[in-house]
Amino acid sequence: MLRRLLLAVTLCVLTPTLAHAQIYAWRDPSGHLVLSDKPKDPAAKTYAIEAPADAAPAATGTTGTGFRVTRAAFSLRAAEYDDLIVEHSTRHDIDPNFVRAVIQAESAFNPRARSPKGAMGLMQLMPQTARAYGVFDPYNAAENIRAGVAYLKSLLVRFNQNIALALAAYNAGPAAVEKYGRTVPPYRETRNYVAKITSASAAASASAPAGPPVTRIYKTIDIVDGRPVLRFTNKPVDGADRVAAADRR
């Protein structure tokens, strides 16, 4: 699915008339990913294709380097998991861009990633963490993100919402942070990790468009000619049930 989204973006890059094109992505009632140059669904996510800073005039349809780029460095790679990220980030009152930055640093959005130390999946859960949060399959994106975000929230609570200390604990373990007097341990890897995620999260949040961060989808069942017809809307109409992100996958 993600490959199809990247293909669509590539086509925009190679199409001269789309100097500032937009790709809209959403899932149909069957759960299939749909891509279009028109927002035909209220739940569609928008991906903007723009020329970089050294671009030639838009009328030529070219750029100084011959390429166009998308906003948000990891937005396309994160697209397949975005509903899950937003759902669990919202549940734990964490900025979704913060979670995206952690996943990017941990696994580069590879759900099958495994470290030499045994960390697994998108958020690189250690076996003991996976067990503590009831994860049956750490390579399942829904389980991994659910547990990873919950664990990240627990570290934020433990270290009084100090993002640097929570990230240090996620990387080196909370015991290491406590050992060094609740400061970022003097490990090069950990310090680089904290700086990288903090910077990426801040940049993504600063460039995010204004407006509500969560798109809620509701479903209703109407009876048409004696047969039930499933309908979806982004408005909480009477009798509608909210569709969880995991159910839209």
C-alpha atoms as a PDB file:
ATOM      1  CA  MET A   1       0.000   0.000   0.000  1.00  0.00           C
ATOM      2  CA  LEU A   2       2.762   2.400   0.912  1.00  0.00           C
ATOM      3  CA  ARG A   3       4.507   1.472  -2.324  1.00  0.00           C
ATOM      4  CA  ARG A   4       1.449   2.626  -4.271  1.00  0.00           C
ATOM      5  CA  LEU A   5       1.442   5.927  -2.418  1.00  0.00           C
ATOM      6  CA  LEU A   6       5.101   6.463  -3.240  1.00  0.00           C
ATOM      7  CA  LEU A   7       4.387   5.591  -6.876  1.00  0.00           C
ATOM      8  CA  ALA A   8       1.666   8.218  -6.998  1.00  0.00           C
ATOM      9  CA  VAL A   9       4.024  10.810  -5.583  1.00  0.00           C
ATOM     10  CA  THR A  10       6.657   9.793  -8.138  1.00  0.00           C
ATOM     11  CA  LEU A  11       4.151  10.357 -10.939  1.00  0.00           C
ATOM     12  CA  CYS A  12       3.512  13.850  -9.595  1.00  0.00           C
ATOM     13  CA  VAL A  13       7.243  14.490  -9.547  1.00  0.00           C
ATOM     14  CA  LEU A  14       7.523  13.456 -13.183  1.00  0.00           C
ATOM     15  CA  THR A  15       4.481  15.444 -14.337  1.00  0.00           C
ATOM     16  CA  PRO A  16       5.533  18.977 -15.392  1.00  0.00           C
ATOM     17  CA  THR A  17       2.156  20.597 -14.783  1.00  0.00           C
ATOM     18  CA  LEU A  18       2.035  19.579 -11.123  1.00  0.00           C
ATOM     19  CA  ALA A  19       4.484  22.114  -9.735  1.00  0.00           C
ATOM     20  CA  HIS A  20       2.560  22.215  -6.448  1.00  0.00           C
ATOM     21  CA  ALA A  21       0.480  19.055  -6.661  1.00  0.00           C
ATOM     22  CA  GLN A  22      -1.438  17.393  -3.878  1.00  0.00           C
ATOM     23  CA  ILE A  23      -2.130  13.728  -3.394  1.00  0.00           C
ATOM     24  CA  TYR A  24      -5.129  12.671  -1.288  1.00  0.00           C
ATOM     25  CA  ALA A  25      -5.129   9.288   0.435  1.00  0.00           C
ATOM     26  CA  TRP A  26      -7.899   7.489   2.313  1.00  0.00           C
ATOM     27  CA  ARG A  27      -9.289   4.015   2.878  1.00  0.00           C
ATOM     28  CA  ASP A  28     -12.541   2.877   1.304  1.00  0.00           C
ATOM     29  CA  PRO A  29     -15.186   0.903   3.285  1.00  0.00           C
ATOM     30  CA  SER A  30     -13.331  -2.313   2.414  1.00  0.00           C
ATOM     31  CA  GLY A  31     -10.107  -1.001   3.923  1.00  0.00           C
ATOM     32  CA  HIS A  32      -8.276  -0.508   0.622  1.00  0.00           C
ATOM     33  CA  LEU A  33      -5.981   2.480   0.239  1.00  0.00           C
ATOM     34  CA  VAL A  34      -7.318   4.960  -2.347  1.00  0.00           C
ATOM     35  CA  LEU A  35      -5.182   7.666  -3.973  1.00  0.00           C
ATOM     36  CA  SER A  36      -6.484  10.624  -5.952  1.00  0.00           C
ATOM     37  CA  ASP A  37      -5.618  14.133  -7.044  1.00  0.00           C
ATOM     38  CA  LYS A  38      -9.061  15.202  -5.730  1.00  0.00           C
ATOM     39  CA  PRO A  39     -10.322  15.026  -2.107  1.00  0.00           C
ATOM     40  CA  LYS A  40     -13.261  12.710  -2.747  1.00  0.00           C
ATOM     41  CA  ASP A  41     -13.479  11.541   0.867  1.00  0.00           C
ATOM     42  CA  PRO A  42     -13.751  13.750   3.982  1.00  0.00           C
ATOM     43  CA  ALA A  43     -11.244  11.543   5.784  1.00  0.00           C
ATOM     44  CA  ALA A  44      -8.560  11.970   3.118  1.00  0.00           C
ATOM     45  CA  LYS A  45      -5.061  12.898   4.236  1.00  0.00           C
ATOM     46  CA  THR A  46      -3.226  15.418   2.059  1.00  0.00           C
ATOM     47  CA  TYR A  47       0.357  15.119   0.865  1.00  0.00           C
ATOM     48  CA  ALA A  48       1.752  18.221  -0.831  1.00  0.00           C
ATOM     49  CA  ILE A  49       4.381  17.990  -3.567  1.00  0.00           C
ATOM     50  CA  GLU A  50       6.413  21.170  -3.680  1.00  0.00           C
ATOM     51  CA  ALA A  51       9.512  22.478  -5.364  1.00  0.00           C
ATOM     52  CA  PRO A  52      12.593  22.896  -3.144  1.00  0.00           C
ATOM     53  CA  ALA A  53      14.194  26.227  -2.362  1.00  0.00           C
ATOM     54  CA  ASP A  54      16.402  26.231  -5.462  1.00  0.00           C
ATOM     55  CA  ALA A  55      13.474  25.622  -7.827  1.00  0.00           C
ATOM     56  CA  ALA A  56      13.097  27.329 -11.170  1.00  0.00           C
ATOM     57  CA  PRO A  57       9.902  29.378 -11.797  1.00  0.00           C
ATOM     58  CA  ALA A  58       6.754  27.300 -11.426  1.00  0.00           C
ATOM     59  CA  ALA A  59       5.679  28.028 -14.995  1.00  0.00           C
ATOM     60  CA  THR A  60       8.478  25.846 -16.314  1.00  0.00           C
ATOM     61  CA  GLY A  61       7.400  22.897 -14.206  1.00  0.00           C
ATOM     62  CA  THR A  62      11.036  22.155 -13.304  1.00  0.00           C
ATOM     63  CA  THR A  63      13.358  22.696 -10.367  1.00  0.00           C
ATOM     64  CA  GLY A  64      16.984  23.652 -10.085  1.00  0.00           C
ATOM     65  CA  THR A  65      17.864  20.065  -9.208  1.00  0.00           C
ATOM     66  CA  GLY A  66      15.259  18.443 -11.428  1.00  0.00           C
ATOM     67  CA  PHE A  67      13.363  17.023  -8.432  1.00  0.00           C
ATOM     68  CA  ARG A  68      10.444  18.012  -6.256  1.00  0.00           C
ATOM     69  CA  VAL A  69      10.061  17.137  -2.602  1.00  0.00           C
ATOM     70  CA  THR A  70       7.246  16.571  -0.136  1.00  0.00           C
ATOM     71  CA  ARG A  71       6.626  18.426   3.114  1.00  0.00           C
ATOM     72  CA  ALA A  72       7.521  16.544   6.302  1.00  0.00           C
ATOM     73  CA  ALA A  73      10.515  14.288   5.914  1.00  0.00           C
ATOM     74  CA  PHE A  74       8.873  11.125   7.188  1.00  0.00           C
ATOM     75  CA  SER A  75       5.223  11.803   6.315  1.00  0.00           C
ATOM     76  CA  LEU A  76       5.034   9.344   3.412  1.00  0.00           C
ATOM     77  CA  ARG A  77       6.862   6.557   5.213  1.00  0.00           C
ATOM     78  CA  ALA A  78       4.617   7.086   8.226  1.00  0.00           C
ATOM     79  CA  ALA A  79       1.413   7.199   6.182  1.00  0.00           C
ATOM     80  CA  GLU A  80       0.577   3.521   6.545  1.00  0.00           C
ATOM     81  CA  TYR A  81       0.714   3.771  10.343  1.00  0.00           C
ATOM     82  CA  ASP A  82      -0.605   7.283  10.804  1.00  0.00           C
ATOM     83  CA  ASP A  83      -4.060   6.307  12.076  1.00  0.00           C
ATOM     84  CA  LEU A  84      -2.514   4.147  14.791  1.00  0.00           C
ATOM     85  CA  ILE A  85      -0.007   6.839  15.737  1.00  0.00           C
ATOM     86  CA  VAL A  86      -2.690   9.496  16.053  1.00  0.00           C
ATOM     87  CA  GLU A  87      -5.067   7.198  17.944  1.00  0.00           C
ATOM     88  CA  HIS A  88      -2.585   6.187  20.640  1.00  0.00           C
ATOM     89  CA  SER A  89      -0.875   9.574  20.836  1.00  0.00           C
ATOM     90  CA  THR A  90      -4.252  11.204  21.426  1.00  0.00           C
ATOM     91  CA  ARG A  91      -5.171   8.609  24.024  1.00  0.00           C
ATOM     92  CA  HIS A  92      -2.017   9.401  26.008  1.00  0.00           C
ATOM     93  CA  ASP A  93      -1.966  13.145  25.291  1.00  0.00           C
ATOM     94  CA  ILE A  94       1.324  13.040  23.369  1.00  0.00           C
ATOM     95  CA  ASP A  95       2.149  15.005  20.216  1.00  0.00           C
ATOM     96  CA  PRO A  96       1.870  12.548  17.278  1.00  0.00           C
ATOM     97  CA  ASN A  97       4.916  14.181  15.692  1.00  0.00           C
ATOM     98  CA  PHE A  98       6.902  13.199  18.771  1.00  0.00           C
ATOM     99  CA  VAL A  99       5.867   9.563  18.334  1.00  0.00           C
ATOM    100  CA  ARG A 100       6.624   9.681  14.604  1.00  0.00           C
ATOM    101  CA  ALA A 101      10.111  11.002  15.368  1.00  0.00           C
ATOM    102  CA  VAL A 102      10.708   8.186  17.860  1.00  0.00           C
ATOM    103  CA  ILE A 103       9.610   5.554  15.333  1.00  0.00           C
ATOM    104  CA  GLN A 104      11.761   7.118  12.632  1.00  0.00           C
ATOM    105  CA  ALA A 105      14.811   7.011  14.898  1.00  0.00           C
ATOM    106  CA  GLU A 106      14.083   3.523  16.217  1.00  0.00           C
ATOM    107  CA  SER A 107      13.171   1.598  13.081  1.00  0.00           C
ATOM    108  CA  ALA A 108      12.759   4.023  10.141  1.00  0.00           C
ATOM    109  CA  PHE A 109       9.170   2.683  10.005  1.00  0.00           C
ATOM    110  CA  ASN A 110      10.259  -0.898   9.360  1.00  0.00           C
ATOM    111  CA  PRO A 111       7.764  -3.098  11.264  1.00  0.00           C
ATOM    112  CA  ARG A 112      10.107  -6.104  11.023  1.00  0.00           C
ATOM    113  CA  ALA A 113      13.148  -4.329  12.463  1.00  0.00           C
ATOM    114  CA  ARG A 114      15.126  -6.185  15.126  1.00  0.00           C
ATOM    115  CA  SER A 115      18.203  -4.864  16.906  1.00  0.00           C
ATOM    116  CA  PRO A 116      21.245  -6.912  17.973  1.00  0.00           C
ATOM    117  CA  LYS A 117      20.041  -6.453  21.571  1.00  0.00           C
ATOM    118  CA  GLY A 118      16.643  -7.959  20.776  1.00  0.00           C
ATOM    119  CA  ALA A 119      14.502  -4.835  20.420  1.00  0.00           C
ATOM    120  CA  MET A 120      11.593  -5.490  18.074  1.00  0.00           C
ATOM    121  CA  GLY A 121       9.301  -3.781  15.618  1.00  0.00           C
ATOM    122  CA  LEU A 122       8.419  -0.186  14.837  1.00  0.00           C
ATOM    123  CA  MET A 123       9.106   1.199  18.318  1.00  0.00           C
ATOM    124  CA  GLN A 124      11.829  -1.353  19.088  1.00  0.00           C
ATOM    125  CA  LEU A 125      10.229  -2.906  22.141  1.00  0.00           C
ATOM    126  CA  MET A 126      12.497  -4.939  24.361  1.00  0.00           C
ATOM    127  CA  PRO A 127      11.075  -8.370  25.302  1.00  0.00           C
ATOM    128  CA  GLN A 128      10.428  -7.347  28.925  1.00  0.00           C
ATOM    129  CA  THR A 129       8.599  -4.198  27.824  1.00  0.00           C
ATOM    130  CA  ALA A 130       6.491  -6.165  25.350  1.00  0.00           C
ATOM    131  CA  ARG A 131       5.534  -8.618  28.098  1.00  0.00           C
ATOM    132  CA  ALA A 132       4.738  -5.825  30.551  1.00  0.00           C
ATOM    133  CA  TYR A 133       2.290  -4.249  28.084  1.00  0.00           C
ATOM    134  CA  GLY A 134       0.639  -7.471  27.000  1.00  0.00           C
ATOM    135  CA  VAL A 135       2.061  -7.579  23.488  1.00  0.00           C
ATOM    136  CA  PHE A 136       1.438 -10.917  21.810  1.00  0.00           C
ATOM    137  CA  ASP A 137       3.207 -10.095  18.534  1.00  0.00           C
ATOM    138  CA  PRO A 138       5.743  -7.221  18.713  1.00  0.00           C
ATOM    139  CA  TYR A 139       5.959  -7.178  14.917  1.00  0.00           C
ATOM    140  CA  ASN A 140       2.273  -6.362  14.638  1.00  0.00           C
ATOM    141  CA  ALA A 141       2.091  -2.602  14.063  1.00  0.00           C
ATOM    142  CA  ALA A 142      -1.072  -2.065  16.109  1.00  0.00           C
ATOM    143  CA  GLU A 143       0.278  -3.918  19.157  1.00  0.00           C
ATOM    144  CA  ASN A 144       3.737  -2.401  18.869  1.00  0.00           C
ATOM    145  CA  ILE A 145       2.550   1.209  18.633  1.00  0.00           C
ATOM    146  CA  ARG A 146      -0.015   0.716  21.395  1.00  0.00           C
ATOM    147  CA  ALA A 147       2.623  -0.561  23.796  1.00  0.00           C
ATOM    148  CA  GLY A 148       5.400   1.766  22.646  1.00  0.00           C
ATOM    149  CA  VAL A 149       3.326   4.906  23.105  1.00  0.00           C
ATOM    150  CA  ALA A 150       2.043   3.717  26.491  1.00  0.00           C
ATOM    151  CA  TYR A 151       5.613   3.022  27.619  1.00  0.00           C
ATOM    152  CA  LEU A 152       6.783   6.406  26.346  1.00  0.00           C
ATOM    153  CA  LYS A 153       3.951   8.053  28.302  1.00  0.00           C
ATOM    154  CA  SER A 154       4.980   6.201  31.464  1.00  0.00           C
ATOM    155  CA  LEU A 155       8.508   7.584  31.093  1.00  0.00           C
ATOM    156  CA  LEU A 156       7.195  11.116  30.618  1.00  0.00           C
ATOM    157  CA  VAL A 157       5.176  10.740  33.819  1.00  0.00           C
ATOM    158  CA  ARG A 158       8.104   9.232  35.704  1.00  0.00           C
ATOM    159  CA  PHE A 159      10.422  12.079  34.709  1.00  0.00           C
ATOM    160  CA  ASN A 160       7.902  14.902  35.204  1.00  0.00           C
ATOM    161  CA  GLN A 161       7.202  15.490  31.490  1.00  0.00           C
ATOM    162  CA  ASN A 162      10.887  16.113  30.798  1.00  0.00           C
ATOM    163  CA  ILE A 163      11.129  15.045  27.152  1.00  0.00           C
ATOM    164  CA  ALA A 164      14.921  14.739  27.124  1.00  0.00           C
ATOM    165  CA  LEU A 165      14.933  12.454  30.173  1.00  0.00           C
ATOM    166  CA  ALA A 166      12.041  10.357  28.835  1.00  0.00           C
ATOM    167  CA  LEU A 167      13.877   9.866  25.544  1.00  0.00           C
ATOM    168  CA  ALA A 168      17.109   9.045  27.342  1.00  0.00           C
ATOM    169  CA  ALA A 169      15.245   6.453  29.399  1.00  0.00           C
ATOM    170  CA  TYR A 170      13.631   5.010  26.259  1.00  0.00           C
ATOM    171  CA  ASN A 171      17.075   4.620  24.705  1.00  0.00           C
ATOM    172  CA  ALA A 172      19.320   3.673  27.625  1.00  0.00           C
ATOM    173  CA  GLY A 173      16.776   2.529  30.181  1.00  0.00           C
ATOM    174  CA  PRO A 174      15.277   4.431  33.136  1.00  0.00           C
ATOM    175  CA  ALA A 175      17.867   2.956  35.512  1.00  0.00           C
ATOM    176  CA  ALA A 176      20.648   4.723  33.596  1.00  0.00           C
ATOM    177  CA  VAL A 177      18.861   8.067  33.906  1.00  0.00           C
ATOM    178  CA  GLU A 178      18.397   7.530  37.643  1.00  0.00           C
ATOM    179  CA  LYS A 179      22.036   6.452  38.016  1.00  0.00           C
ATOM    180  CA  TYR A 180      23.252   9.801  36.684  1.00  0.00           C
ATOM    181  CA  GLY A 181      21.076  11.857  38.976  1.00  0.00           C
ATOM    182  CA  ARG A 182      18.128  12.186  36.608  1.00  0.00           C
ATOM    183  CA  THR A 183      20.189  13.667  33.807  1.00  0.00           C
ATOM    184  CA  VAL A 184      20.827  12.414  30.294  1.00  0.00           C
ATOM    185  CA  PRO A 185      23.526   9.735  30.680  1.00  0.00           C
ATOM    186  CA  PRO A 186      26.946  10.609  29.216  1.00  0.00           C
ATOM    187  CA  TYR A 187      26.593   8.066  26.422  1.00  0.00           C
ATOM    188  CA  ARG A 188      27.240   9.417  22.932  1.00  0.00           C
ATOM    189  CA  GLU A 189      24.520   7.257  21.390  1.00  0.00           C
ATOM    190  CA  THR A 190      21.926   8.371  23.931  1.00  0.00           C
ATOM    191  CA  ARG A 191      22.782  12.058  23.655  1.00  0.00           C
ATOM    192  CA  ASN A 192      22.689  11.921  19.865  1.00  0.00           C
ATOM    193  CA  TYR A 193      19.369  10.049  20.064  1.00  0.00           C
ATOM    194  CA  VAL A 194      17.801  12.683  22.313  1.00  0.00           C
ATOM    195  CA  ALA A 195      19.035  15.562  20.144  1.00  0.00           C
ATOM    196  CA  LYS A 196      17.912  13.912  16.896  1.00  0.00           C
ATOM    197  CA  ILE A 197      14.364  13.150  18.039  1.00  0.00           C
ATOM    198  CA  THR A 198      13.870  16.472  19.793  1.00  0.00           C
ATOM    199  CA  SER A 199      14.917  18.344  16.652  1.00  0.00           C
ATOM    200  CA  ALA A 200      12.822  16.213  14.267  1.00  0.00           C
ATOM    201  CA  SER A 201       9.729  16.420  16.471  1.00  0.00           C
ATOM    202  CA  ALA A 202       9.991  20.193  16.863  1.00  0.00           C
ATOM    203  CA  ALA A 203      10.488  20.719  13.123  1.00  0.00           C
ATOM    204  CA  ALA A 204       7.496  18.544  12.240  1.00  0.00           C
ATOM    205  CA  SER A 205       5.254  20.246  14.784  1.00  0.00           C
ATOM    206  CA  ALA A 206       6.286  23.696  13.573  1.00  0.00           C
ATOM    207  CA  SER A 207       5.429  22.835   9.955  1.00  0.00           C
ATOM    208  CA  ALA A 208       2.162  21.077  10.745  1.00  0.00           C
ATOM    209  CA  PRO A 209      -0.955  22.794   9.384  1.00  0.00           C
ATOM    210  CA  ALA A 210      -3.314  24.440  11.835  1.00  0.00           C
ATOM    211  CA  GLY A 211      -6.507  22.655  12.749  1.00  0.00           C
ATOM    212  CA  PRO A 212      -7.647  19.604  14.684  1.00  0.00           C
ATOM    213  CA  PRO A 213      -5.007  16.853  14.685  1.00  0.00           C
ATOM    214  CA  VAL A 214      -7.480  13.968  14.639  1.00  0.00           C
ATOM    215  CA  THR A 215      -9.943  13.013  11.929  1.00  0.00           C
ATOM    216  CA  ARG A 216     -12.764  10.984  13.446  1.00  0.00           C
ATOM    217  CA  ILE A 217     -14.778   8.675  11.230  1.00  0.00           C
ATOM    218  CA  TYR A 218     -18.286   7.477  12.087  1.00  0.00           C
ATOM    219  CA  LYS A 219     -20.357   4.732  10.533  1.00  0.00           C
ATOM    220  CA  THR A 220     -24.084   4.282  10.221  1.00  0.00           C
ATOM    221  CA  ILE A 221     -26.208   1.478   8.832  1.00  0.00           C
ATOM    222  CA  ASP A 222     -29.205   2.476   6.741  1.00  0.00           C
ATOM    223  CA  ILE A 223     -31.851   0.114   5.434  1.00  0.00           C
ATOM    224  CA  VAL A 224     -32.317   0.584   1.692  1.00  0.00           C
ATOM    225  CA  ASP A 225     -34.836  -1.648  -0.121  1.00  0.00           C
ATOM    226  CA  GLY A 226     -34.766  -3.989   2.841  1.00  0.00           C
ATOM    227  CA  ARG A 227     -30.980  -4.339   2.793  1.00  0.00           C
ATOM    228  CA  PRO A 228     -28.465  -2.833   5.244  1.00  0.00           C
ATOM    229  CA  VAL A 229     -26.140  -0.235   3.661  1.00  0.00           C
ATOM    230  CA  LEU A 230     -23.005   0.830   5.523  1.00  0.00           C
ATOM    231  CA  ARG A 231     -22.176   4.557   5.291  1.00  0.00           C
ATOM    232  CA  PHE A 232     -19.239   6.575   6.605  1.00  0.00           C
ATOM    233  CA  THR A 233     -19.063  10.226   7.625  1.00  0.00           C
ATOM    234  CA  ASN A 234     -16.772  12.571   9.521  1.00  0.00           C
ATOM    235  CA  LYS A 235     -19.723  14.024  11.446  1.00  0.00           C
ATOM    236  CA  PRO A 236     -21.051  12.452  14.681  1.00  0.00           C
ATOM    237  CA  VAL A 237     -24.664  12.106  13.545  1.00  0.00           C
ATOM    238  CA  ASP A 238     -27.293  10.495  15.762  1.00  0.00           C
ATOM    239  CA  GLY A 239     -26.972   6.734  15.906  1.00  0.00           C
ATOM    240  CA  ALA A 240     -23.474   6.704  14.388  1.00  0.00           C
ATOM    241  CA  ASP A 241     -20.649   4.628  15.851  1.00  0.00           C
ATOM    242  CA  ARG A 242     -17.102   5.919  15.853  1.00  0.00           C
ATOM    243  CA  VAL A 243     -14.694   3.819  13.788  1.00  0.00           C
ATOM    244  CA  ALA A 244     -11.450   3.050  15.606  1.00  0.00           C
ATOM    245  CA  ALA A 245      -8.244   3.587  13.652  1.00  0.00           C
ATOM    246  CA  ALA A 246      -7.350  -0.086  13.853  1.00  0.00           C
ATOM    247  CA  ASP A 247     -10.705  -1.009  12.245  1.00  0.00           C
ATOM    248  CA  ARG A 248      -9.941   1.230   9.262  1.00  0.00           C
ATOM    249  CA  ARG A 249      -6.767  -0.687   8.412  1.00  0.00           C
END
